[in-house]
N, C-alpha and C. Protein backbone atom coordinates (compact mmCIF):
# COMPACT_ATOMS: atom_id res chain seq x y z
N MET A 1 0.65 17.26 -18.82
CA MET A 1 1.99 17.33 -19.39
C MET A 1 2.80 18.38 -18.63
N ILE A 2 4.08 18.18 -18.56
CA ILE A 2 4.98 19.08 -17.85
C ILE A 2 5.15 20.37 -18.66
N ASP A 3 5.12 21.50 -17.94
CA ASP A 3 5.34 22.77 -18.63
C ASP A 3 6.48 23.57 -18.00
N THR A 4 7.13 23.02 -16.96
CA THR A 4 8.21 23.71 -16.27
C THR A 4 9.43 22.80 -16.22
N PHE A 5 10.58 23.36 -16.58
CA PHE A 5 11.80 22.57 -16.71
C PHE A 5 12.96 23.24 -15.97
N SER A 6 13.76 22.41 -15.32
CA SER A 6 15.03 22.86 -14.73
C SER A 6 16.15 22.46 -15.69
N ALA A 7 17.35 22.95 -15.44
CA ALA A 7 18.49 22.54 -16.26
C ALA A 7 18.69 21.03 -16.15
N ASN A 8 18.55 20.50 -14.95
CA ASN A 8 18.75 19.06 -14.75
C ASN A 8 17.70 18.24 -15.50
N SER A 9 16.44 18.65 -15.43
CA SER A 9 15.41 17.88 -16.14
C SER A 9 15.64 17.94 -17.65
N LEU A 10 16.12 19.08 -18.15
CA LEU A 10 16.42 19.19 -19.58
C LEU A 10 17.61 18.31 -19.97
N LYS A 11 18.61 18.20 -19.08
CA LYS A 11 19.75 17.32 -19.37
C LYS A 11 19.27 15.88 -19.51
N ILE A 12 18.39 15.47 -18.60
CA ILE A 12 17.87 14.10 -18.65
C ILE A 12 17.03 13.91 -19.91
N LEU A 13 16.16 14.87 -20.21
CA LEU A 13 15.33 14.78 -21.42
C LEU A 13 16.20 14.71 -22.68
N ASP A 14 17.26 15.49 -22.70
CA ASP A 14 18.14 15.51 -23.87
C ASP A 14 18.86 14.17 -24.06
N SER A 15 19.18 13.51 -22.96
CA SER A 15 19.92 12.25 -23.08
C SER A 15 19.01 11.02 -23.19
N SER A 16 17.80 11.08 -22.59
CA SER A 16 16.95 9.89 -22.63
C SER A 16 15.49 10.26 -22.36
N LEU A 17 14.67 10.20 -23.39
CA LEU A 17 13.24 10.46 -23.24
C LEU A 17 12.62 9.48 -22.26
N LYS A 18 13.04 8.22 -22.34
CA LYS A 18 12.50 7.19 -21.46
C LYS A 18 12.80 7.50 -19.99
N GLU A 19 14.04 7.85 -19.70
CA GLU A 19 14.41 8.18 -18.31
C GLU A 19 13.66 9.42 -17.84
N PHE A 20 13.52 10.41 -18.71
CA PHE A 20 12.78 11.62 -18.35
C PHE A 20 11.34 11.28 -17.97
N LYS A 21 10.69 10.47 -18.81
CA LYS A 21 9.30 10.10 -18.54
C LYS A 21 9.18 9.34 -17.23
N MET A 22 10.11 8.42 -16.97
CA MET A 22 10.06 7.66 -15.72
C MET A 22 10.23 8.60 -14.52
N ARG A 23 11.18 9.49 -14.62
CA ARG A 23 11.51 10.36 -13.49
C ARG A 23 10.49 11.47 -13.27
N TYR A 24 10.10 12.15 -14.34
CA TYR A 24 9.29 13.36 -14.19
C TYR A 24 7.81 13.16 -14.47
N LEU A 25 7.45 12.16 -15.23
CA LEU A 25 6.03 11.91 -15.48
C LEU A 25 5.49 10.81 -14.58
N SER A 26 6.28 9.75 -14.39
CA SER A 26 5.84 8.64 -13.53
C SER A 26 6.36 8.76 -12.10
N ASN A 27 7.28 9.69 -11.88
CA ASN A 27 7.86 9.91 -10.56
C ASN A 27 8.55 8.66 -10.02
N LEU A 28 9.24 7.94 -10.91
CA LEU A 28 9.95 6.72 -10.53
C LEU A 28 11.45 6.94 -10.65
N TYR A 29 12.13 7.00 -9.52
CA TYR A 29 13.58 7.12 -9.52
C TYR A 29 14.10 6.80 -8.13
N LEU A 30 15.36 6.42 -8.08
CA LEU A 30 16.01 6.12 -6.81
C LEU A 30 16.77 7.35 -6.34
N ILE A 31 16.68 7.61 -5.06
CA ILE A 31 17.46 8.69 -4.47
C ILE A 31 18.79 8.08 -4.03
N GLU A 32 19.86 8.60 -4.61
CA GLU A 32 21.18 8.05 -4.31
C GLU A 32 21.75 8.70 -3.05
N ASP A 33 22.47 7.92 -2.27
CA ASP A 33 23.19 8.44 -1.12
C ASP A 33 24.57 8.86 -1.61
N ASN A 34 24.67 10.12 -2.03
CA ASN A 34 25.86 10.61 -2.71
C ASN A 34 26.65 11.52 -1.77
N GLU A 35 27.81 11.05 -1.35
CA GLU A 35 28.64 11.80 -0.39
C GLU A 35 29.13 13.12 -0.99
N GLU A 36 29.52 13.10 -2.26
CA GLU A 36 30.00 14.33 -2.90
C GLU A 36 28.89 15.38 -2.94
N LEU A 37 27.66 14.94 -3.17
CA LEU A 37 26.51 15.86 -3.17
C LEU A 37 26.30 16.48 -1.79
N LYS A 38 26.45 15.66 -0.76
CA LYS A 38 26.30 16.18 0.62
C LYS A 38 27.37 17.24 0.92
N VAL A 39 28.61 16.94 0.56
CA VAL A 39 29.70 17.90 0.78
C VAL A 39 29.44 19.16 -0.04
N GLY A 40 29.01 18.98 -1.28
CA GLY A 40 28.69 20.14 -2.13
C GLY A 40 27.62 21.01 -1.53
N ASN A 41 26.57 20.41 -0.99
CA ASN A 41 25.50 21.18 -0.35
C ASN A 41 26.02 21.95 0.86
N LYS A 42 26.90 21.31 1.62
CA LYS A 42 27.48 21.96 2.79
C LYS A 42 28.27 23.21 2.36
N PHE A 43 29.09 23.06 1.32
CA PHE A 43 29.86 24.20 0.81
C PHE A 43 28.94 25.28 0.25
N HIS A 44 27.95 24.88 -0.53
CA HIS A 44 27.02 25.86 -1.10
C HIS A 44 26.35 26.68 0.00
N ASN A 45 25.90 26.01 1.04
CA ASN A 45 25.20 26.71 2.11
C ASN A 45 26.09 27.72 2.83
N ILE A 46 27.29 27.30 3.18
CA ILE A 46 28.16 28.22 3.93
C ILE A 46 28.63 29.38 3.04
N ILE A 47 28.85 29.11 1.76
CA ILE A 47 29.24 30.18 0.83
C ILE A 47 28.11 31.19 0.71
N CYS A 48 26.88 30.70 0.63
CA CYS A 48 25.72 31.57 0.56
C CYS A 48 25.67 32.48 1.79
N TYR A 49 25.83 31.92 2.96
CA TYR A 49 25.82 32.72 4.19
C TYR A 49 26.96 33.74 4.19
N TYR A 50 28.14 33.29 3.78
CA TYR A 50 29.30 34.17 3.77
C TYR A 50 29.08 35.37 2.84
N LEU A 51 28.59 35.10 1.63
CA LEU A 51 28.37 36.18 0.67
C LEU A 51 27.23 37.11 1.07
N LYS A 52 26.36 36.63 1.95
CA LYS A 52 25.29 37.48 2.48
C LYS A 52 25.72 38.19 3.77
N ASN A 53 27.02 38.09 4.06
CA ASN A 53 27.63 38.77 5.21
C ASN A 53 27.19 38.23 6.57
N PHE A 54 26.82 36.97 6.64
CA PHE A 54 26.52 36.34 7.92
C PHE A 54 27.82 35.87 8.56
N ASP A 55 27.83 35.78 9.87
CA ASP A 55 28.96 35.21 10.60
C ASP A 55 28.91 33.69 10.40
N ILE A 56 29.95 33.13 9.83
CA ILE A 56 29.94 31.70 9.51
C ILE A 56 30.77 30.86 10.47
N GLU A 57 31.29 31.45 11.50
CA GLU A 57 32.17 30.71 12.42
C GLU A 57 31.49 29.46 12.99
N LYS A 58 30.23 29.55 13.38
CA LYS A 58 29.52 28.40 13.94
C LYS A 58 29.35 27.30 12.89
N PHE A 59 29.14 27.70 11.65
CA PHE A 59 28.93 26.73 10.58
C PHE A 59 30.22 25.97 10.23
N LYS A 60 31.35 26.62 10.44
CA LYS A 60 32.63 26.00 10.10
C LYS A 60 32.87 24.72 10.90
N LYS A 61 32.21 24.59 12.04
CA LYS A 61 32.39 23.40 12.89
C LYS A 61 31.90 22.12 12.21
N ALA A 62 31.04 22.26 11.21
CA ALA A 62 30.53 21.10 10.48
C ALA A 62 31.54 20.56 9.46
N PHE A 63 32.66 21.26 9.30
CA PHE A 63 33.67 20.88 8.32
C PHE A 63 34.83 20.16 9.01
N ASN A 64 35.29 19.06 8.41
CA ASN A 64 36.47 18.38 8.94
C ASN A 64 37.71 19.19 8.57
N GLY A 65 38.87 18.76 8.99
CA GLY A 65 40.11 19.52 8.77
C GLY A 65 40.38 19.85 7.32
N ALA A 66 40.29 18.85 6.44
CA ALA A 66 40.57 19.08 5.02
C ALA A 66 39.52 20.00 4.40
N GLU A 67 38.25 19.78 4.76
CA GLU A 67 37.18 20.64 4.23
C GLU A 67 37.35 22.07 4.70
N ALA A 68 37.72 22.24 5.97
CA ALA A 68 37.90 23.59 6.52
C ALA A 68 39.03 24.33 5.79
N GLN A 69 40.08 23.60 5.44
CA GLN A 69 41.19 24.19 4.71
C GLN A 69 40.75 24.62 3.30
N ILE A 70 39.97 23.76 2.65
CA ILE A 70 39.45 24.08 1.32
C ILE A 70 38.53 25.29 1.40
N LEU A 71 37.70 25.33 2.43
CA LEU A 71 36.78 26.46 2.62
C LEU A 71 37.56 27.77 2.77
N GLU A 72 38.60 27.77 3.58
CA GLU A 72 39.41 28.98 3.78
C GLU A 72 40.06 29.41 2.46
N GLN A 73 40.57 28.43 1.72
CA GLN A 73 41.18 28.73 0.42
C GLN A 73 40.13 29.37 -0.50
N PHE A 74 38.93 28.81 -0.49
CA PHE A 74 37.87 29.33 -1.35
C PHE A 74 37.45 30.74 -0.92
N ILE A 75 37.26 30.95 0.37
CA ILE A 75 36.85 32.27 0.87
C ILE A 75 37.87 33.34 0.50
N ASN A 76 39.14 32.96 0.42
CA ASN A 76 40.20 33.91 0.08
C ASN A 76 40.52 33.94 -1.41
N SER A 77 39.73 33.24 -2.22
CA SER A 77 39.99 33.18 -3.66
C SER A 77 39.57 34.47 -4.35
N GLU A 78 40.10 34.65 -5.54
CA GLU A 78 39.77 35.84 -6.35
C GLU A 78 38.29 35.88 -6.71
N ILE A 79 37.69 34.72 -6.95
CA ILE A 79 36.29 34.69 -7.36
C ILE A 79 35.38 35.19 -6.23
N VAL A 80 35.69 34.82 -4.99
CA VAL A 80 34.88 35.27 -3.86
C VAL A 80 35.13 36.76 -3.61
N LYS A 81 36.36 37.19 -3.72
CA LYS A 81 36.66 38.63 -3.58
C LYS A 81 35.90 39.43 -4.64
N PHE A 82 35.88 38.91 -5.86
CA PHE A 82 35.14 39.55 -6.94
C PHE A 82 33.66 39.66 -6.58
N ALA A 83 33.09 38.55 -6.07
CA ALA A 83 31.67 38.55 -5.71
C ALA A 83 31.38 39.58 -4.62
N ILE A 84 32.23 39.65 -3.64
CA ILE A 84 32.02 40.58 -2.53
C ILE A 84 32.08 42.03 -3.01
N LEU A 85 32.95 42.31 -3.96
CA LEU A 85 33.15 43.69 -4.42
C LEU A 85 32.22 44.09 -5.57
N GLY A 86 31.30 43.23 -5.95
CA GLY A 86 30.38 43.56 -7.04
C GLY A 86 29.50 44.76 -6.69
N ASP A 87 29.05 45.46 -7.72
CA ASP A 87 28.17 46.62 -7.51
C ASP A 87 26.86 46.17 -6.85
N GLU A 88 26.35 45.04 -7.31
CA GLU A 88 25.15 44.43 -6.73
C GLU A 88 25.39 42.92 -6.71
N LYS A 89 24.81 42.25 -5.70
CA LYS A 89 24.94 40.80 -5.66
C LYS A 89 23.62 40.18 -5.25
N PHE A 90 23.32 39.09 -5.93
CA PHE A 90 22.09 38.33 -5.70
C PHE A 90 22.52 36.89 -5.43
N ILE A 91 22.38 36.47 -4.19
CA ILE A 91 22.88 35.16 -3.78
C ILE A 91 21.73 34.18 -3.71
N GLU A 92 21.95 32.97 -4.27
CA GLU A 92 20.91 31.94 -4.34
C GLU A 92 19.63 32.52 -4.94
N GLN A 93 19.81 33.20 -6.06
CA GLN A 93 18.73 33.91 -6.76
C GLN A 93 17.84 32.92 -7.52
N PRO A 94 16.58 32.76 -7.10
CA PRO A 94 15.69 31.87 -7.86
C PRO A 94 15.23 32.54 -9.15
N PHE A 95 14.86 31.71 -10.12
CA PHE A 95 14.28 32.26 -11.35
C PHE A 95 13.16 31.37 -11.84
N PHE A 96 12.25 31.99 -12.54
CA PHE A 96 11.11 31.32 -13.17
C PHE A 96 10.77 32.18 -14.38
N VAL A 97 11.19 31.75 -15.56
CA VAL A 97 11.03 32.57 -16.77
C VAL A 97 10.33 31.77 -17.87
N LYS A 98 9.62 32.50 -18.69
CA LYS A 98 8.87 31.88 -19.79
C LYS A 98 9.77 31.72 -21.01
N ILE A 99 9.58 30.59 -21.68
CA ILE A 99 10.23 30.34 -22.96
C ILE A 99 9.15 29.73 -23.85
N ASN A 100 8.68 30.50 -24.81
CA ASN A 100 7.52 30.14 -25.63
C ASN A 100 6.33 29.88 -24.69
N ASP A 101 5.76 28.68 -24.73
CA ASP A 101 4.61 28.41 -23.85
C ASP A 101 5.00 27.54 -22.64
N LYS A 102 6.29 27.46 -22.35
CA LYS A 102 6.81 26.66 -21.22
C LYS A 102 7.57 27.60 -20.28
N TYR A 103 8.12 27.01 -19.20
CA TYR A 103 8.85 27.80 -18.21
C TYR A 103 10.15 27.11 -17.83
N LEU A 104 11.13 27.93 -17.50
CA LEU A 104 12.40 27.45 -16.96
C LEU A 104 12.47 27.88 -15.50
N THR A 105 12.97 27.01 -14.66
CA THR A 105 13.09 27.33 -13.25
C THR A 105 14.42 26.86 -12.73
N GLY A 106 14.87 27.49 -11.67
CA GLY A 106 16.14 27.10 -11.06
C GLY A 106 16.59 28.14 -10.07
N ARG A 107 17.86 28.06 -9.75
CA ARG A 107 18.44 28.97 -8.77
C ARG A 107 19.90 29.20 -9.13
N PHE A 108 20.27 30.47 -9.31
CA PHE A 108 21.67 30.82 -9.55
C PHE A 108 22.40 30.77 -8.21
N ASP A 109 23.62 30.22 -8.17
CA ASP A 109 24.40 30.29 -6.93
C ASP A 109 24.65 31.75 -6.57
N ALA A 110 25.08 32.53 -7.55
CA ALA A 110 25.28 33.96 -7.33
C ALA A 110 25.20 34.69 -8.66
N VAL A 111 24.61 35.87 -8.62
CA VAL A 111 24.62 36.78 -9.76
C VAL A 111 25.25 38.07 -9.25
N ILE A 112 26.32 38.48 -9.91
CA ILE A 112 27.04 39.67 -9.51
C ILE A 112 26.96 40.67 -10.65
N LYS A 113 26.52 41.88 -10.33
CA LYS A 113 26.50 42.93 -11.35
C LYS A 113 27.70 43.84 -11.09
N LYS A 114 28.52 44.00 -12.12
CA LYS A 114 29.69 44.85 -12.02
C LYS A 114 29.88 45.57 -13.35
N ASN A 115 29.91 46.89 -13.30
CA ASN A 115 30.10 47.71 -14.50
C ASN A 115 29.12 47.35 -15.60
N GLU A 116 27.85 47.21 -15.25
CA GLU A 116 26.75 46.93 -16.18
C GLU A 116 26.79 45.52 -16.79
N THR A 117 27.70 44.68 -16.33
CA THR A 117 27.74 43.29 -16.78
C THR A 117 27.26 42.40 -15.64
N TYR A 118 26.44 41.42 -15.98
CA TYR A 118 25.95 40.45 -15.00
C TYR A 118 26.78 39.18 -15.11
N TYR A 119 27.35 38.76 -14.00
CA TYR A 119 28.15 37.54 -13.93
C TYR A 119 27.34 36.48 -13.19
N ILE A 120 27.14 35.35 -13.85
CA ILE A 120 26.51 34.21 -13.19
C ILE A 120 27.66 33.37 -12.64
N LEU A 121 27.73 33.23 -11.33
CA LEU A 121 28.77 32.41 -10.71
C LEU A 121 28.14 31.09 -10.28
N ASP A 122 28.75 30.01 -10.69
CA ASP A 122 28.23 28.69 -10.34
C ASP A 122 29.35 27.86 -9.73
N TRP A 123 29.17 27.48 -8.47
CA TRP A 123 30.17 26.69 -7.76
C TRP A 123 29.96 25.21 -8.05
N LYS A 124 31.03 24.54 -8.33
CA LYS A 124 31.03 23.09 -8.46
C LYS A 124 31.98 22.56 -7.39
N ILE A 125 31.59 21.53 -6.70
CA ILE A 125 32.46 21.01 -5.64
C ILE A 125 33.71 20.40 -6.26
N ASN A 126 33.58 19.74 -7.40
CA ASN A 126 34.73 19.05 -7.96
C ASN A 126 34.95 19.44 -9.42
N ASN A 127 34.29 18.73 -10.33
CA ASN A 127 34.56 18.91 -11.75
C ASN A 127 33.69 19.97 -12.39
N LEU A 128 34.30 20.73 -13.28
CA LEU A 128 33.55 21.66 -14.11
C LEU A 128 32.86 20.85 -15.21
N PRO A 129 31.82 21.40 -15.84
CA PRO A 129 31.19 20.68 -16.96
C PRO A 129 32.23 20.35 -18.04
N LYS A 130 32.03 19.22 -18.72
CA LYS A 130 32.98 18.80 -19.76
C LYS A 130 33.05 19.80 -20.91
N SER A 131 31.90 20.35 -21.29
CA SER A 131 31.83 21.35 -22.36
C SER A 131 31.02 22.54 -21.84
N PRO A 132 31.64 23.38 -21.01
CA PRO A 132 30.88 24.44 -20.34
C PRO A 132 30.07 25.35 -21.26
N GLU A 133 30.62 25.67 -22.44
CA GLU A 133 29.93 26.62 -23.31
C GLU A 133 28.64 26.06 -23.88
N SER A 134 28.57 24.74 -24.05
CA SER A 134 27.36 24.14 -24.61
C SER A 134 26.57 23.33 -23.58
N ASP A 135 27.01 23.36 -22.32
CA ASP A 135 26.31 22.63 -21.27
C ASP A 135 24.89 23.18 -21.11
N ILE A 136 23.95 22.30 -20.90
CA ILE A 136 22.54 22.72 -20.80
C ILE A 136 22.34 23.69 -19.64
N GLN A 137 23.07 23.49 -18.55
CA GLN A 137 22.94 24.44 -17.44
C GLN A 137 23.34 25.84 -17.89
N THR A 138 24.42 25.95 -18.65
CA THR A 138 24.84 27.26 -19.17
C THR A 138 23.73 27.87 -20.01
N LEU A 139 23.16 27.08 -20.91
CA LEU A 139 22.12 27.59 -21.81
C LEU A 139 20.90 28.07 -21.03
N VAL A 140 20.45 27.28 -20.07
CA VAL A 140 19.29 27.66 -19.25
C VAL A 140 19.59 28.91 -18.43
N TYR A 141 20.78 28.95 -17.83
CA TYR A 141 21.12 30.08 -16.97
C TYR A 141 21.26 31.39 -17.75
N ILE A 142 21.94 31.34 -18.88
CA ILE A 142 22.13 32.61 -19.61
C ILE A 142 20.81 33.10 -20.20
N TYR A 143 20.01 32.18 -20.72
CA TYR A 143 18.71 32.58 -21.26
C TYR A 143 17.85 33.17 -20.14
N SER A 144 17.80 32.49 -19.00
CA SER A 144 16.96 32.94 -17.89
C SER A 144 17.42 34.28 -17.34
N LEU A 145 18.73 34.44 -17.19
CA LEU A 145 19.22 35.72 -16.68
C LEU A 145 18.92 36.86 -17.65
N SER A 146 19.05 36.59 -18.95
CA SER A 146 18.77 37.64 -19.94
C SER A 146 17.32 38.11 -19.86
N LYS A 147 16.42 37.21 -19.55
CA LYS A 147 15.00 37.57 -19.43
C LYS A 147 14.71 38.20 -18.06
N LEU A 148 15.29 37.64 -17.01
CA LEU A 148 15.04 38.13 -15.66
C LEU A 148 15.53 39.56 -15.47
N TYR A 149 16.73 39.85 -15.98
CA TYR A 149 17.32 41.19 -15.80
C TYR A 149 17.28 42.04 -17.06
N LYS A 150 16.66 41.51 -18.11
CA LYS A 150 16.53 42.24 -19.39
C LYS A 150 17.88 42.82 -19.84
N THR A 151 18.85 41.91 -19.98
CA THR A 151 20.19 42.31 -20.38
C THR A 151 20.80 41.28 -21.31
N LYS A 152 21.77 41.74 -22.08
CA LYS A 152 22.57 40.83 -22.91
C LYS A 152 24.03 40.88 -22.49
N ASN A 153 24.32 41.70 -21.48
CA ASN A 153 25.69 41.82 -20.95
C ASN A 153 25.88 40.78 -19.86
N ILE A 154 26.25 39.57 -20.29
CA ILE A 154 26.31 38.43 -19.38
C ILE A 154 27.63 37.68 -19.54
N LYS A 155 28.14 37.22 -18.42
CA LYS A 155 29.26 36.28 -18.40
C LYS A 155 28.88 35.16 -17.45
N MET A 156 29.22 33.95 -17.81
CA MET A 156 28.96 32.78 -16.98
C MET A 156 30.30 32.28 -16.48
N VAL A 157 30.41 32.08 -15.17
CA VAL A 157 31.68 31.62 -14.59
C VAL A 157 31.41 30.37 -13.75
N TYR A 158 32.02 29.26 -14.17
CA TYR A 158 31.99 28.04 -13.37
C TYR A 158 33.26 28.02 -12.52
N TYR A 159 33.12 27.57 -11.28
CA TYR A 159 34.29 27.51 -10.40
C TYR A 159 34.29 26.19 -9.64
N SER A 160 35.40 25.44 -9.73
CA SER A 160 35.57 24.20 -8.99
C SER A 160 36.23 24.52 -7.66
N ILE A 161 35.52 24.25 -6.58
CA ILE A 161 36.03 24.56 -5.24
C ILE A 161 37.24 23.70 -4.90
N LEU A 162 37.16 22.39 -5.13
CA LEU A 162 38.26 21.50 -4.78
C LEU A 162 39.50 21.70 -5.64
N LYS A 163 39.29 22.01 -6.90
CA LYS A 163 40.42 22.14 -7.83
C LYS A 163 40.89 23.58 -7.99
N ASN A 164 40.15 24.53 -7.43
CA ASN A 164 40.50 25.94 -7.55
C ASN A 164 40.67 26.34 -9.02
N GLU A 165 39.71 25.89 -9.85
CA GLU A 165 39.73 26.18 -11.29
C GLU A 165 38.48 26.96 -11.66
N LYS A 166 38.62 27.83 -12.65
CA LYS A 166 37.43 28.51 -13.14
C LYS A 166 37.41 28.49 -14.66
N PHE A 167 36.20 28.60 -15.18
CA PHE A 167 36.00 28.68 -16.63
C PHE A 167 34.99 29.79 -16.87
N GLU A 168 35.39 30.81 -17.62
CA GLU A 168 34.53 31.96 -17.87
C GLU A 168 34.08 31.97 -19.32
N ILE A 169 32.78 32.22 -19.50
CA ILE A 169 32.19 32.23 -20.83
C ILE A 169 31.62 33.62 -21.10
N ASN A 170 32.06 34.22 -22.18
CA ASN A 170 31.50 35.50 -22.61
C ASN A 170 30.27 35.24 -23.46
N ILE A 171 29.21 35.92 -23.15
CA ILE A 171 27.94 35.70 -23.83
C ILE A 171 27.65 36.87 -24.77
N ASP A 172 27.20 36.55 -25.97
CA ASP A 172 26.76 37.59 -26.91
C ASP A 172 25.35 37.23 -27.39
N GLU A 173 24.80 38.08 -28.23
CA GLU A 173 23.44 37.86 -28.71
C GLU A 173 23.29 36.53 -29.45
N ASN A 174 24.29 36.16 -30.25
CA ASN A 174 24.24 34.87 -30.96
C ASN A 174 24.15 33.71 -29.98
N LYS A 175 24.94 33.78 -28.92
CA LYS A 175 24.93 32.70 -27.92
C LYS A 175 23.57 32.62 -27.23
N LEU A 176 22.94 33.77 -26.96
CA LEU A 176 21.61 33.78 -26.35
C LEU A 176 20.58 33.17 -27.30
N ASN A 177 20.66 33.50 -28.59
CA ASN A 177 19.75 32.91 -29.57
C ASN A 177 19.95 31.40 -29.69
N GLU A 178 21.21 30.97 -29.71
CA GLU A 178 21.52 29.54 -29.77
C GLU A 178 20.99 28.83 -28.52
N ALA A 179 21.11 29.48 -27.37
CA ALA A 179 20.62 28.88 -26.12
C ALA A 179 19.12 28.64 -26.20
N LYS A 180 18.38 29.66 -26.66
CA LYS A 180 16.94 29.51 -26.76
C LYS A 180 16.58 28.38 -27.73
N GLU A 181 17.24 28.37 -28.89
CA GLU A 181 16.96 27.33 -29.90
C GLU A 181 17.19 25.93 -29.35
N LYS A 182 18.30 25.74 -28.65
CA LYS A 182 18.63 24.42 -28.11
C LYS A 182 17.65 24.01 -27.02
N ILE A 183 17.29 24.93 -26.15
CA ILE A 183 16.33 24.63 -25.08
C ILE A 183 14.99 24.22 -25.68
N VAL A 184 14.51 24.98 -26.64
CA VAL A 184 13.23 24.67 -27.29
C VAL A 184 13.31 23.33 -28.00
N GLN A 185 14.42 23.06 -28.66
CA GLN A 185 14.62 21.77 -29.35
C GLN A 185 14.51 20.61 -28.36
N ILE A 186 15.11 20.75 -27.19
CA ILE A 186 15.04 19.68 -26.18
C ILE A 186 13.62 19.53 -25.68
N ILE A 187 12.96 20.63 -25.34
CA ILE A 187 11.58 20.57 -24.83
C ILE A 187 10.67 19.90 -25.87
N ASN A 188 10.90 20.19 -27.14
CA ASN A 188 10.06 19.62 -28.20
C ASN A 188 10.20 18.11 -28.36
N LYS A 189 11.17 17.50 -27.70
CA LYS A 189 11.28 16.04 -27.71
C LYS A 189 10.07 15.38 -27.05
N LEU A 190 9.35 16.15 -26.24
CA LEU A 190 8.16 15.63 -25.56
C LEU A 190 6.94 15.61 -26.47
N THR A 191 7.00 16.28 -27.61
CA THR A 191 5.82 16.33 -28.48
C THR A 191 5.87 15.30 -29.58
């Protein structure tokens, strides 16, 4: 039986036990040729290098004219300036944390510590989650960060690169407790 879950696997489990079993237990699924996913990966990679202070000029050549313009807009955005000026920054930070007798795994796009608050920054190429505060990714990320850094001072920020939109969620102890309850409830669908 599976004992490790990502936000994506929990989303699938929450929406369809049958699809979850096919994908994660039987390993039966189709890999889609998704152009938006490819563009998103390209943006994620170059942003990661940029925030780690690498020279990205060579990488910019992989971007067409419109993409290059969007990249420049993003690099000059307030969210990127905020990330650069953070007291501490953890880029593409992996996590593996225990929740009861199971584990959550994933990777934060960026975690920025500023004035004792940890900001989880998550880049979306296009659309933000429909309900960011209750999105399973939010729940997994805030719970995992609270355990990884042993803090309750957390904010989650989703940012749409193409739309130049952000959505910020303030996290409190109640929200962390609700996150754990919902995650456990979803995992228990397997029993």
